[in-house]
Structures are given as C-alpha cells and as structure tokens.
Amino acid sequence: MRMLSLVTLAASAAISLSAFADAKYKAGNYNIDPMHSKVGFEIPHLVISSVEGHFKDFEGKLDLNDKFDKSSVKATVKIDSIDTGVGKRDDHLKSPDFFDAKKFPTMTFSSSKIEGTPESFKMTGDLTIKGIIKKVTFDSKYLGSVNDGMGNDKVAFTATTTIKRADFGLTWNKAIEAGPVVGDTLTISLKIEAAKPAAKK
C-alpha cells in the first residue's frame, strides 16, 4: 500500500511539472541567465586528445520574434573569466600569446540571420575576438519554454560552431613529433537558458 502511494505521488508530481513545460516556441524578449547557462569550448591537444573549458562571466539578450527568422541574439563574454581547471593554463590563455585579455577584455556575438525552424536552425552572425570580426554559423536547437512556478517565463536553446582560431589571431603554438601541441580548430558550445524580464509594477 505504501509503495502504491509513493508511485501515485511521483506520478502526480510529474504531471504537475509537465503542466509548466511547453515545447512550443514562445516569442518575447529574454535575458540570458548565466547561472543556468554555459559558454563552453573544446580544442585538440597533442593531436590525440582535447582540452575543454568555459567562460564564467557573460551576458546577452534574445529577441524572439513572432516570425522566428526575424529573431536575434546578442552576447558579450568576459575573457578574464576563462576556466579550464588549470590556473597556469588559464593565465597563458589570457596572455598576449592567445586572447590578450588586458587589451581585448571581451568577445562578442551578434546574430544577423536565422534560418530554419525553432527545432533546427542556423544562426549566423558576427563573432568578435581580439578585435577581429568574422561571420560564423551556429547549428542550433530551441528546447522549449517553461514557467518556473514563480511567474517567470524561461526559454532555452543549444548551439555549436567550429572556428579556426588563427582567423581570430590566436596563433600561438608549439610542435611535437606527432604534430601541433594545440589544434587549429576550436569548437564552441552554448547551452543557454534565458528569462523574460519581470513586468514593472
């Protein structure tokens, strides 16, 4: 009997939570929530493996238009917040050999074109690193909308792209017998949750 009650309670909770979720596209203006988002990257290391990291300090806005292809995304990332889990490596990445964080404290992205459907779309825009602007395209997916139970509307999406780091002036490298210490391509992965600003009373 106790087991049946627990099963019933769990099922009721799942139904209650699902009532808040909505996989459908929900237009509106949203601010990226850095506490529940991730700006990550991965780059080949010593040919046979890779190094992963992320940036801890970033902000941005999503303007989700009623016509999805008219939507836009803008974001700013603080270079000094880079974290690969190794302090000395992070310091090297912030140095002039790589991002030169003192001279170029931020990198930015501003979308210029969105193609496809919310379930699968291409997001093209200007990526700026070290003052160099290049067009990049993210493969993206809208994950849905939800009300968090406290009256706040949230949306989420994922996006990935691959860039050549040399295109943005990230040219430092050393060679070993097997090849370069640091690979030429950098994969950027976004996991974004954003919240609609609360209405002013």
N, C-alpha and C. Protein backbone atom coordinates (compact mmCIF):
# COMPACT_ATOMS: atom_id res chain seq x y z
N MET A 1 0.83 -1.20 0.00
CA MET A 1 0.00 0.00 0.00
C MET A 1 0.87 1.25 0.00
N ARG A 2 1.94 1.21 0.83
CA ARG A 2 2.85 2.35 0.91
C ARG A 2 3.53 2.58 -0.43
N MET A 3 3.94 1.45 -1.09
CA MET A 3 4.59 1.56 -2.39
C MET A 3 3.65 2.18 -3.41
N LEU A 4 2.37 1.80 -3.38
CA LEU A 4 1.39 2.34 -4.30
C LEU A 4 1.22 3.83 -4.08
N SER A 5 1.23 4.26 -2.82
CA SER A 5 1.08 5.69 -2.50
C SER A 5 2.26 6.49 -3.04
N LEU A 6 3.47 5.92 -2.91
CA LEU A 6 4.67 6.61 -3.40
C LEU A 6 4.63 6.75 -4.92
N VAL A 7 4.21 5.68 -5.60
CA VAL A 7 4.11 5.72 -7.06
C VAL A 7 3.10 6.76 -7.49
N THR A 8 1.95 6.80 -6.81
CA THR A 8 0.90 7.77 -7.13
C THR A 8 1.40 9.19 -6.92
N LEU A 9 2.15 9.42 -5.83
CA LEU A 9 2.69 10.75 -5.52
C LEU A 9 3.68 11.19 -6.59
N ALA A 10 4.55 10.27 -7.01
CA ALA A 10 5.55 10.58 -8.03
C ALA A 10 4.87 10.92 -9.36
N ALA A 11 3.85 10.16 -9.71
CA ALA A 11 3.13 10.41 -10.96
C ALA A 11 2.43 11.76 -10.93
N SER A 12 1.85 12.10 -9.78
CA SER A 12 1.18 13.38 -9.64
C SER A 12 2.16 14.53 -9.77
N ALA A 13 3.35 14.36 -9.19
CA ALA A 13 4.38 15.40 -9.26
C ALA A 13 4.83 15.60 -10.70
N ALA A 14 5.01 14.50 -11.42
CA ALA A 14 5.45 14.59 -12.81
C ALA A 14 4.40 15.30 -13.66
N ILE A 15 3.13 15.00 -13.42
CA ILE A 15 2.06 15.65 -14.17
C ILE A 15 2.02 17.14 -13.85
N SER A 16 2.22 17.49 -12.58
CA SER A 16 2.20 18.90 -12.18
C SER A 16 3.32 19.67 -12.84
N LEU A 17 4.52 19.07 -12.89
CA LEU A 17 5.66 19.74 -13.51
C LEU A 17 5.47 19.88 -15.01
N SER A 18 4.91 18.84 -15.62
CA SER A 18 4.73 18.89 -17.07
C SER A 18 3.74 19.97 -17.47
N ALA A 19 2.87 20.36 -16.54
CA ALA A 19 1.91 21.41 -16.83
C ALA A 19 2.59 22.74 -17.07
N PHE A 20 3.78 22.93 -16.48
CA PHE A 20 4.52 24.17 -16.65
C PHE A 20 5.27 24.19 -17.97
N ALA A 21 5.65 23.03 -18.49
CA ALA A 21 6.52 22.95 -19.66
C ALA A 21 5.74 23.10 -20.95
N ASP A 22 6.38 23.70 -21.96
CA ASP A 22 5.77 23.88 -23.26
C ASP A 22 6.87 23.84 -24.31
N ALA A 23 6.84 22.80 -25.14
CA ALA A 23 7.88 22.65 -26.14
C ALA A 23 7.70 23.65 -27.27
N LYS A 24 6.56 24.33 -27.34
CA LYS A 24 6.29 25.25 -28.43
C LYS A 24 7.12 26.53 -28.28
N TYR A 25 7.35 27.16 -29.42
CA TYR A 25 8.08 28.41 -29.48
C TYR A 25 7.29 29.52 -28.80
N LYS A 26 7.96 30.33 -27.99
CA LYS A 26 7.29 31.40 -27.27
C LYS A 26 8.04 32.71 -27.49
N ALA A 27 7.46 33.59 -28.27
CA ALA A 27 8.11 34.86 -28.61
C ALA A 27 8.23 35.76 -27.38
N GLY A 28 9.17 36.68 -27.44
CA GLY A 28 9.37 37.63 -26.35
C GLY A 28 10.81 38.05 -26.24
N ASN A 29 11.08 39.00 -25.36
CA ASN A 29 12.44 39.45 -25.10
C ASN A 29 12.95 38.79 -23.82
N TYR A 30 14.13 38.19 -23.89
CA TYR A 30 14.68 37.44 -22.77
C TYR A 30 16.13 37.85 -22.51
N ASN A 31 16.53 37.77 -21.24
CA ASN A 31 17.91 37.99 -20.85
C ASN A 31 18.56 36.65 -20.52
N ILE A 32 19.76 36.42 -21.02
CA ILE A 32 20.48 35.17 -20.72
C ILE A 32 20.74 35.08 -19.23
N ASP A 33 20.47 33.92 -18.66
CA ASP A 33 20.68 33.65 -17.25
C ASP A 33 22.00 32.90 -17.09
N PRO A 34 23.09 33.61 -16.70
CA PRO A 34 24.39 32.93 -16.62
C PRO A 34 24.47 31.85 -15.56
N MET A 35 23.59 31.89 -14.56
CA MET A 35 23.61 30.87 -13.52
C MET A 35 23.13 29.52 -14.03
N HIS A 36 22.37 29.53 -15.13
CA HIS A 36 21.83 28.30 -15.67
C HIS A 36 22.20 28.12 -17.15
N SER A 37 23.30 28.74 -17.56
CA SER A 37 23.76 28.65 -18.93
C SER A 37 25.25 28.31 -18.94
N LYS A 38 25.74 27.93 -20.12
CA LYS A 38 27.17 27.60 -20.24
C LYS A 38 27.70 28.01 -21.61
N VAL A 39 28.83 28.71 -21.59
CA VAL A 39 29.56 29.03 -22.81
C VAL A 39 30.84 28.20 -22.78
N GLY A 40 30.84 27.10 -23.48
CA GLY A 40 31.95 26.16 -23.40
C GLY A 40 32.73 26.06 -24.69
N PHE A 41 33.91 25.45 -24.61
CA PHE A 41 34.72 25.24 -25.80
C PHE A 41 35.56 23.99 -25.63
N GLU A 42 36.04 23.48 -26.76
CA GLU A 42 36.92 22.30 -26.77
C GLU A 42 37.91 22.46 -27.93
N ILE A 43 39.18 22.11 -27.66
CA ILE A 43 40.20 22.24 -28.69
C ILE A 43 41.14 21.04 -28.62
N PRO A 44 41.58 20.52 -29.77
CA PRO A 44 42.51 19.38 -29.76
C PRO A 44 43.81 19.71 -29.03
N HIS A 45 44.36 18.70 -28.34
CA HIS A 45 45.62 18.86 -27.61
C HIS A 45 46.51 17.66 -27.88
N LEU A 46 47.76 17.94 -28.29
CA LEU A 46 48.73 16.88 -28.56
C LEU A 46 48.22 15.85 -29.57
N VAL A 47 47.35 16.32 -30.47
CA VAL A 47 46.82 15.52 -31.58
C VAL A 47 45.82 14.45 -31.13
N ILE A 48 46.12 13.74 -30.04
CA ILE A 48 45.33 12.56 -29.68
C ILE A 48 44.23 12.83 -28.65
N SER A 49 44.20 14.04 -28.07
CA SER A 49 43.20 14.31 -27.04
C SER A 49 42.68 15.73 -27.21
N SER A 50 42.01 16.26 -26.17
CA SER A 50 41.48 17.61 -26.26
C SER A 50 41.42 18.24 -24.88
N VAL A 51 41.30 19.55 -24.87
CA VAL A 51 41.13 20.32 -23.64
C VAL A 51 39.79 21.03 -23.71
N GLU A 52 39.02 20.95 -22.63
CA GLU A 52 37.74 21.63 -22.56
C GLU A 52 37.79 22.75 -21.53
N GLY A 53 36.96 23.74 -21.73
CA GLY A 53 36.87 24.84 -20.78
C GLY A 53 35.58 25.62 -20.99
N HIS A 54 35.42 26.67 -20.20
CA HIS A 54 34.24 27.51 -20.34
C HIS A 54 34.55 28.91 -19.83
N PHE A 55 33.63 29.83 -20.10
CA PHE A 55 33.72 31.19 -19.59
C PHE A 55 32.64 31.39 -18.54
N LYS A 56 33.01 31.94 -17.40
CA LYS A 56 32.08 32.03 -16.28
C LYS A 56 31.29 33.33 -16.26
N ASP A 57 31.76 34.36 -16.96
CA ASP A 57 31.13 35.68 -16.89
C ASP A 57 30.67 36.09 -18.29
N PHE A 58 29.37 36.16 -18.49
CA PHE A 58 28.81 36.54 -19.78
C PHE A 58 27.39 37.05 -19.61
N GLU A 59 26.91 37.74 -20.62
CA GLU A 59 25.54 38.26 -20.61
C GLU A 59 25.05 38.37 -22.04
N GLY A 60 23.73 38.47 -22.20
CA GLY A 60 23.20 38.60 -23.54
C GLY A 60 21.70 38.71 -23.55
N LYS A 61 21.16 38.98 -24.74
CA LYS A 61 19.72 39.15 -24.90
C LYS A 61 19.23 38.35 -26.10
N LEU A 62 18.03 37.79 -25.95
CA LEU A 62 17.35 37.08 -27.02
C LEU A 62 16.08 37.83 -27.35
N ASP A 63 15.94 38.24 -28.60
CA ASP A 63 14.70 38.84 -29.08
C ASP A 63 14.02 37.81 -29.96
N LEU A 64 13.10 37.06 -29.38
CA LEU A 64 12.40 36.01 -30.11
C LEU A 64 11.14 36.60 -30.73
N ASN A 65 11.20 36.79 -32.04
CA ASN A 65 10.13 37.45 -32.78
C ASN A 65 9.00 36.48 -33.07
N ASP A 66 7.79 37.02 -33.28
CA ASP A 66 6.66 36.18 -33.68
C ASP A 66 6.99 35.43 -34.97
N LYS A 67 7.74 36.09 -35.86
CA LYS A 67 8.27 35.43 -37.04
C LYS A 67 9.68 34.98 -36.68
N PHE A 68 9.86 33.69 -36.49
CA PHE A 68 11.10 33.17 -35.92
C PHE A 68 12.35 33.66 -36.64
N ASP A 69 12.31 33.73 -37.98
CA ASP A 69 13.51 34.13 -38.72
C ASP A 69 13.85 35.61 -38.55
N LYS A 70 13.00 36.35 -37.87
CA LYS A 70 13.29 37.76 -37.57
C LYS A 70 13.86 37.92 -36.16
N SER A 71 14.09 36.82 -35.48
CA SER A 71 14.63 36.86 -34.12
C SER A 71 16.11 37.26 -34.15
N SER A 72 16.65 37.62 -32.98
CA SER A 72 18.07 38.00 -32.91
C SER A 72 18.65 37.64 -31.55
N VAL A 73 19.97 37.47 -31.54
CA VAL A 73 20.71 37.13 -30.32
C VAL A 73 21.95 38.01 -30.24
N LYS A 74 22.21 38.57 -29.07
CA LYS A 74 23.44 39.33 -28.83
C LYS A 74 24.03 38.88 -27.50
N ALA A 75 25.36 38.74 -27.46
CA ALA A 75 26.01 38.26 -26.24
C ALA A 75 27.40 38.85 -26.11
N THR A 76 27.83 39.02 -24.86
CA THR A 76 29.16 39.51 -24.54
C THR A 76 29.78 38.58 -23.50
N VAL A 77 31.03 38.17 -23.72
CA VAL A 77 31.73 37.25 -22.82
C VAL A 77 32.99 37.92 -22.30
N LYS A 78 33.22 37.84 -20.99
CA LYS A 78 34.44 38.39 -20.38
C LYS A 78 35.57 37.37 -20.52
N ILE A 79 36.62 37.74 -21.25
CA ILE A 79 37.74 36.83 -21.49
C ILE A 79 38.43 36.42 -20.19
N ASP A 80 38.51 37.35 -19.25
CA ASP A 80 39.21 37.08 -18.00
C ASP A 80 38.54 35.97 -17.18
N SER A 81 37.33 35.59 -17.55
CA SER A 81 36.61 34.56 -16.79
C SER A 81 36.85 33.15 -17.33
N ILE A 82 37.81 32.99 -18.24
CA ILE A 82 38.08 31.68 -18.82
C ILE A 82 38.51 30.69 -17.75
N ASP A 83 38.05 29.45 -17.85
CA ASP A 83 38.33 28.44 -16.83
C ASP A 83 38.48 27.08 -17.50
N THR A 84 39.71 26.55 -17.46
CA THR A 84 39.95 25.20 -17.98
C THR A 84 40.28 24.23 -16.85
N GLY A 85 40.21 24.73 -15.62
CA GLY A 85 40.51 23.89 -14.47
C GLY A 85 41.97 23.89 -14.07
N VAL A 86 42.82 24.59 -14.82
CA VAL A 86 44.25 24.68 -14.52
C VAL A 86 44.65 26.15 -14.55
N GLY A 87 45.02 26.70 -13.39
CA GLY A 87 45.30 28.12 -13.27
C GLY A 87 46.38 28.62 -14.21
N LYS A 88 47.51 27.90 -14.29
CA LYS A 88 48.62 28.35 -15.15
C LYS A 88 48.21 28.36 -16.62
N ARG A 89 47.42 27.36 -17.01
CA ARG A 89 46.96 27.33 -18.40
C ARG A 89 46.00 28.49 -18.67
N ASP A 90 45.12 28.78 -17.71
CA ASP A 90 44.20 29.90 -17.87
C ASP A 90 44.97 31.21 -18.01
N ASP A 91 46.01 31.39 -17.20
CA ASP A 91 46.82 32.61 -17.28
C ASP A 91 47.48 32.73 -18.65
N HIS A 92 47.93 31.60 -19.19
CA HIS A 92 48.55 31.62 -20.52
C HIS A 92 47.52 31.99 -21.58
N LEU A 93 46.31 31.46 -21.46
CA LEU A 93 45.25 31.77 -22.42
C LEU A 93 44.85 33.24 -22.37
N LYS A 94 44.97 33.87 -21.19
CA LYS A 94 44.64 35.29 -21.06
C LYS A 94 45.76 36.19 -21.56
N SER A 95 46.94 35.64 -21.74
CA SER A 95 48.13 36.41 -22.12
C SER A 95 48.09 36.80 -23.60
N PRO A 96 49.02 37.68 -24.03
CA PRO A 96 49.09 38.06 -25.45
C PRO A 96 49.33 36.89 -26.40
N ASP A 97 49.83 35.76 -25.90
CA ASP A 97 50.01 34.59 -26.76
C ASP A 97 48.68 34.11 -27.34
N PHE A 98 47.60 34.33 -26.58
CA PHE A 98 46.28 33.87 -27.00
C PHE A 98 45.29 35.03 -27.05
N PHE A 99 44.42 35.15 -26.03
CA PHE A 99 43.33 36.12 -26.08
C PHE A 99 43.74 37.56 -25.76
N ASP A 100 44.87 37.75 -25.07
CA ASP A 100 45.32 39.10 -24.68
C ASP A 100 44.20 39.85 -23.96
N ALA A 101 43.78 39.29 -22.83
CA ALA A 101 42.60 39.77 -22.11
C ALA A 101 42.69 41.23 -21.67
N LYS A 102 43.88 41.71 -21.37
CA LYS A 102 44.01 43.11 -20.94
C LYS A 102 43.70 44.08 -22.07
N LYS A 103 44.14 43.74 -23.27
CA LYS A 103 43.90 44.60 -24.42
C LYS A 103 42.53 44.38 -25.03
N PHE A 104 42.06 43.13 -25.00
CA PHE A 104 40.75 42.78 -25.57
C PHE A 104 39.94 42.04 -24.51
N PRO A 105 39.31 42.77 -23.58
CA PRO A 105 38.67 42.14 -22.42
C PRO A 105 37.40 41.34 -22.71
N THR A 106 36.81 41.53 -23.89
CA THR A 106 35.57 40.81 -24.19
C THR A 106 35.61 40.22 -25.59
N MET A 107 34.77 39.21 -25.78
CA MET A 107 34.43 38.77 -27.13
C MET A 107 32.92 38.87 -27.25
N THR A 108 32.43 39.13 -28.45
CA THR A 108 31.01 39.37 -28.64
C THR A 108 30.46 38.58 -29.82
N PHE A 109 29.15 38.37 -29.77
CA PHE A 109 28.45 37.76 -30.89
C PHE A 109 27.15 38.52 -31.12
N SER A 110 26.87 38.82 -32.38
CA SER A 110 25.62 39.48 -32.74
C SER A 110 25.07 38.80 -33.99
N SER A 111 23.90 38.20 -33.86
CA SER A 111 23.34 37.46 -34.98
C SER A 111 22.87 38.42 -36.08
N SER A 112 22.93 37.94 -37.32
CA SER A 112 22.46 38.73 -38.47
C SER A 112 21.44 37.98 -39.31
N LYS A 113 21.38 36.66 -39.14
CA LYS A 113 20.44 35.86 -39.92
C LYS A 113 20.12 34.57 -39.19
N ILE A 114 18.84 34.22 -39.17
CA ILE A 114 18.39 32.95 -38.60
C ILE A 114 17.55 32.23 -39.65
N GLU A 115 17.93 30.99 -39.93
CA GLU A 115 17.25 30.20 -40.95
C GLU A 115 16.82 28.86 -40.37
N GLY A 116 15.63 28.42 -40.76
CA GLY A 116 15.14 27.12 -40.30
C GLY A 116 13.95 27.26 -39.38
N THR A 117 13.74 26.24 -38.59
CA THR A 117 12.64 26.23 -37.63
C THR A 117 13.22 26.22 -36.22
N PRO A 118 12.44 26.54 -35.20
CA PRO A 118 12.96 26.50 -33.83
C PRO A 118 13.60 25.15 -33.49
N GLU A 119 13.06 24.07 -34.03
CA GLU A 119 13.56 22.73 -33.72
C GLU A 119 14.94 22.47 -34.31
N SER A 120 15.28 23.19 -35.39
CA SER A 120 16.58 23.01 -36.04
C SER A 120 16.85 24.24 -36.91
N PHE A 121 17.79 25.09 -36.46
CA PHE A 121 18.03 26.31 -37.22
C PHE A 121 19.51 26.67 -37.27
N LYS A 122 19.86 27.48 -38.27
CA LYS A 122 21.19 28.02 -38.44
C LYS A 122 21.18 29.46 -37.96
N MET A 123 22.10 29.78 -37.06
CA MET A 123 22.20 31.14 -36.55
C MET A 123 23.54 31.74 -36.99
N THR A 124 23.48 32.67 -37.92
CA THR A 124 24.69 33.29 -38.45
C THR A 124 24.84 34.69 -37.89
N GLY A 125 26.09 35.08 -37.62
CA GLY A 125 26.31 36.41 -37.09
C GLY A 125 27.78 36.75 -37.00
N ASP A 126 28.06 37.93 -36.45
CA ASP A 126 29.43 38.42 -36.31
C ASP A 126 30.00 38.01 -34.96
N LEU A 127 31.09 37.24 -35.01
CA LEU A 127 31.83 36.88 -33.80
C LEU A 127 33.09 37.74 -33.76
N THR A 128 33.29 38.43 -32.64
CA THR A 128 34.45 39.30 -32.50
C THR A 128 35.36 38.78 -31.39
N ILE A 129 36.60 38.45 -31.75
CA ILE A 129 37.62 38.02 -30.81
C ILE A 129 38.91 38.78 -31.13
N LYS A 130 39.51 39.38 -30.11
CA LYS A 130 40.74 40.16 -30.28
C LYS A 130 40.57 41.26 -31.31
N GLY A 131 39.38 41.84 -31.38
CA GLY A 131 39.10 42.92 -32.30
C GLY A 131 38.89 42.49 -33.74
N ILE A 132 38.94 41.19 -34.00
CA ILE A 132 38.75 40.65 -35.35
C ILE A 132 37.33 40.12 -35.49
N ILE A 133 36.63 40.57 -36.52
CA ILE A 133 35.23 40.20 -36.74
C ILE A 133 35.13 39.22 -37.90
N LYS A 134 34.48 38.09 -37.65
CA LYS A 134 34.26 37.07 -38.68
C LYS A 134 32.83 36.56 -38.61
N LYS A 135 32.29 36.21 -39.76
CA LYS A 135 30.97 35.57 -39.81
C LYS A 135 31.10 34.11 -39.40
N VAL A 136 30.25 33.69 -38.48
CA VAL A 136 30.21 32.27 -38.10
C VAL A 136 28.76 31.82 -38.08
N THR A 137 28.55 30.52 -38.21
CA THR A 137 27.20 29.97 -38.19
C THR A 137 27.11 28.87 -37.14
N PHE A 138 26.15 29.01 -36.24
CA PHE A 138 25.90 28.01 -35.21
C PHE A 138 24.79 27.08 -35.66
N ASP A 139 24.97 25.78 -35.45
CA ASP A 139 23.88 24.81 -35.58
C ASP A 139 23.12 24.82 -34.26
N SER A 140 21.84 25.15 -34.32
CA SER A 140 21.12 25.47 -33.09
C SER A 140 19.79 24.73 -32.98
N LYS A 141 19.32 24.66 -31.74
CA LYS A 141 18.04 24.00 -31.46
C LYS A 141 17.35 24.68 -30.28
N TYR A 142 16.11 25.08 -30.49
CA TYR A 142 15.27 25.65 -29.43
C TYR A 142 14.69 24.50 -28.61
N LEU A 143 14.87 24.55 -27.29
CA LEU A 143 14.47 23.43 -26.43
C LEU A 143 13.09 23.59 -25.82
N GLY A 144 12.51 24.79 -25.93
CA GLY A 144 11.17 24.98 -25.39
C GLY A 144 11.08 26.11 -24.39
N SER A 145 9.89 26.30 -23.87
CA SER A 145 9.62 27.34 -22.89
C SER A 145 9.00 26.72 -21.64
N VAL A 146 9.10 27.43 -20.54
CA VAL A 146 8.57 26.92 -19.28
C VAL A 146 8.28 28.09 -18.35
N ASN A 147 7.27 27.93 -17.54
CA ASN A 147 7.04 28.88 -16.44
C ASN A 147 7.60 28.22 -15.19
N ASP A 148 8.48 28.92 -14.48
CA ASP A 148 9.21 28.30 -13.37
C ASP A 148 8.39 28.13 -12.10
N GLY A 149 7.11 28.42 -12.16
CA GLY A 149 6.26 28.25 -10.98
C GLY A 149 6.21 29.48 -10.10
N MET A 150 7.06 30.46 -10.42
CA MET A 150 7.06 31.73 -9.66
C MET A 150 6.68 32.90 -10.56
N GLY A 151 6.07 32.56 -11.70
CA GLY A 151 5.60 33.60 -12.60
C GLY A 151 6.62 34.05 -13.63
N ASN A 152 7.79 33.39 -13.68
CA ASN A 152 8.85 33.79 -14.61
C ASN A 152 8.86 32.89 -15.84
N ASP A 153 8.83 33.49 -17.02
CA ASP A 153 8.90 32.73 -18.26
C ASP A 153 10.36 32.49 -18.62
N LYS A 154 10.69 31.24 -18.95
CA LYS A 154 12.05 30.86 -19.32
C LYS A 154 12.03 30.16 -20.68
N VAL A 155 13.11 30.33 -21.45
CA VAL A 155 13.30 29.58 -22.69
C VAL A 155 14.73 29.05 -22.69
N ALA A 156 15.01 28.07 -23.55
CA ALA A 156 16.35 27.50 -23.61
C ALA A 156 16.66 27.06 -25.03
N PHE A 157 17.95 27.10 -25.38
CA PHE A 157 18.39 26.57 -26.66
C PHE A 157 19.86 26.15 -26.56
N THR A 158 20.27 25.32 -27.50
CA THR A 158 21.67 24.91 -27.62
C THR A 158 22.20 25.34 -28.98
N ALA A 159 23.52 25.52 -29.07
CA ALA A 159 24.13 25.91 -30.34
C ALA A 159 25.60 25.52 -30.34
N THR A 160 26.10 25.10 -31.49
CA THR A 160 27.52 24.75 -31.61
C THR A 160 28.06 25.28 -32.93
N THR A 161 29.34 25.61 -32.93
CA THR A 161 30.02 26.00 -34.15
C THR A 161 31.50 25.65 -34.02
N THR A 162 32.19 25.57 -35.14
CA THR A 162 33.62 25.32 -35.15
C THR A 162 34.32 26.43 -35.92
N ILE A 163 35.37 26.99 -35.32
CA ILE A 163 36.10 28.08 -35.96
C ILE A 163 37.58 27.71 -36.06
N LYS A 164 38.29 28.40 -36.92
CA LYS A 164 39.74 28.29 -36.99
C LYS A 164 40.31 29.40 -36.10
N ARG A 165 41.03 29.02 -35.08
CA ARG A 165 41.49 30.01 -34.11
C ARG A 165 42.43 31.03 -34.74
N ALA A 166 43.20 30.62 -35.74
CA ALA A 166 44.12 31.56 -36.39
C ALA A 166 43.38 32.71 -37.08
N ASP A 167 42.13 32.46 -37.48
CA ASP A 167 41.34 33.51 -38.12
C ASP A 167 41.09 34.68 -37.17
N PHE A 168 41.21 34.41 -35.86
CA PHE A 168 40.96 35.44 -34.86
C PHE A 168 42.25 35.84 -34.13
N GLY A 169 43.38 35.57 -34.75
CA GLY A 169 44.66 35.98 -34.18
C GLY A 169 45.16 35.13 -33.05
N LEU A 170 44.56 33.95 -32.84
CA LEU A 170 45.01 33.02 -31.79
C LEU A 170 46.00 32.04 -32.42
N THR A 171 47.22 32.50 -32.65
CA THR A 171 48.16 31.75 -33.48
C THR A 171 49.26 31.02 -32.72
N TRP A 172 49.35 31.22 -31.40
CA TRP A 172 50.46 30.59 -30.66
C TRP A 172 50.40 29.07 -30.79
N ASN A 173 51.57 28.47 -30.93
CA ASN A 173 51.62 27.01 -30.98
C ASN A 173 53.06 26.52 -30.82
N LYS A 174 53.18 25.25 -30.50
CA LYS A 174 54.46 24.55 -30.49
C LYS A 174 54.25 23.20 -31.14
N ALA A 175 55.31 22.66 -31.69
CA ALA A 175 55.19 21.38 -32.39
C ALA A 175 55.92 20.29 -31.63
N ILE A 176 55.33 19.09 -31.67
CA ILE A 176 55.99 17.89 -31.17
C ILE A 176 56.07 16.90 -32.33
N GLU A 177 56.62 15.75 -32.09
CA GLU A 177 56.81 14.79 -33.17
C GLU A 177 55.49 14.42 -33.85
N ALA A 178 54.42 14.30 -33.05
CA ALA A 178 53.13 13.88 -33.61
C ALA A 178 52.40 15.00 -34.32
N GLY A 179 52.78 16.26 -34.03
CA GLY A 179 52.08 17.39 -34.64
C GLY A 179 52.01 18.56 -33.67
N PRO A 180 51.05 19.49 -33.87
CA PRO A 180 50.96 20.68 -33.02
C PRO A 180 50.46 20.36 -31.62
N VAL A 181 50.97 21.13 -30.64
CA VAL A 181 50.50 20.98 -29.26
C VAL A 181 49.04 21.36 -29.15
N VAL A 182 48.66 22.45 -29.82
CA VAL A 182 47.29 22.95 -29.80
C VAL A 182 46.71 22.83 -31.21
N GLY A 183 45.52 22.28 -31.32
CA GLY A 183 44.89 22.10 -32.63
C GLY A 183 44.48 23.41 -33.27
N ASP A 184 44.16 23.36 -34.55
CA ASP A 184 43.78 24.55 -35.31
C ASP A 184 42.31 24.92 -35.15
N THR A 185 41.47 23.93 -34.85
CA THR A 185 40.04 24.19 -34.80
C THR A 185 39.54 24.25 -33.35
N LEU A 186 38.61 25.15 -33.12
CA LEU A 186 38.04 25.36 -31.80
C LEU A 186 36.53 25.19 -31.89
N THR A 187 35.98 24.29 -31.10
CA THR A 187 34.53 24.07 -31.08
C THR A 187 33.91 24.85 -29.94
N ILE A 188 32.93 25.67 -30.25
CA ILE A 188 32.21 26.46 -29.26
C ILE A 188 30.84 25.85 -29.05
N SER A 189 30.47 25.61 -27.79
CA SER A 189 29.18 25.00 -27.46
C SER A 189 28.42 25.90 -26.48
N LEU A 190 27.20 26.22 -26.84
CA LEU A 190 26.35 27.06 -26.00
C LEU A 190 25.17 26.25 -25.46
N LYS A 191 24.95 26.38 -24.16
CA LYS A 191 23.74 25.84 -23.54
C LYS A 191 23.11 27.01 -22.79
N ILE A 192 22.06 27.55 -23.37
CA ILE A 192 21.54 28.82 -22.90
C ILE A 192 20.12 28.69 -22.32
N GLU A 193 19.96 29.26 -21.13
CA GLU A 193 18.64 29.46 -20.54
C GLU A 193 18.47 30.97 -20.37
N ALA A 194 17.31 31.47 -20.75
CA ALA A 194 17.08 32.90 -20.67
C ALA A 194 15.71 33.18 -20.05
N ALA A 195 15.61 34.32 -19.38
CA ALA A 195 14.40 34.66 -18.65
C ALA A 195 13.82 35.97 -19.17
N LYS A 196 12.51 36.04 -19.23
CA LYS A 196 11.84 37.26 -19.62
C LYS A 196 11.85 38.22 -18.43
N PRO A 197 12.33 39.46 -18.64
CA PRO A 197 12.37 40.42 -17.53
C PRO A 197 10.98 40.60 -16.92
N ALA A 198 10.94 40.69 -15.61
CA ALA A 198 9.67 40.84 -14.91
C ALA A 198 9.02 42.17 -15.29
N ALA A 199 7.70 42.14 -15.43
CA ALA A 199 6.97 43.36 -15.79
C ALA A 199 7.05 44.36 -14.65
N LYS A 200 7.24 45.63 -15.01
CA LYS A 200 7.32 46.69 -13.99
C LYS A 200 5.94 46.99 -13.45
N LYS A 201 5.87 47.09 -12.13
CA LYS A 201 4.57 47.37 -11.50
C LYS A 201 4.41 48.86 -11.24
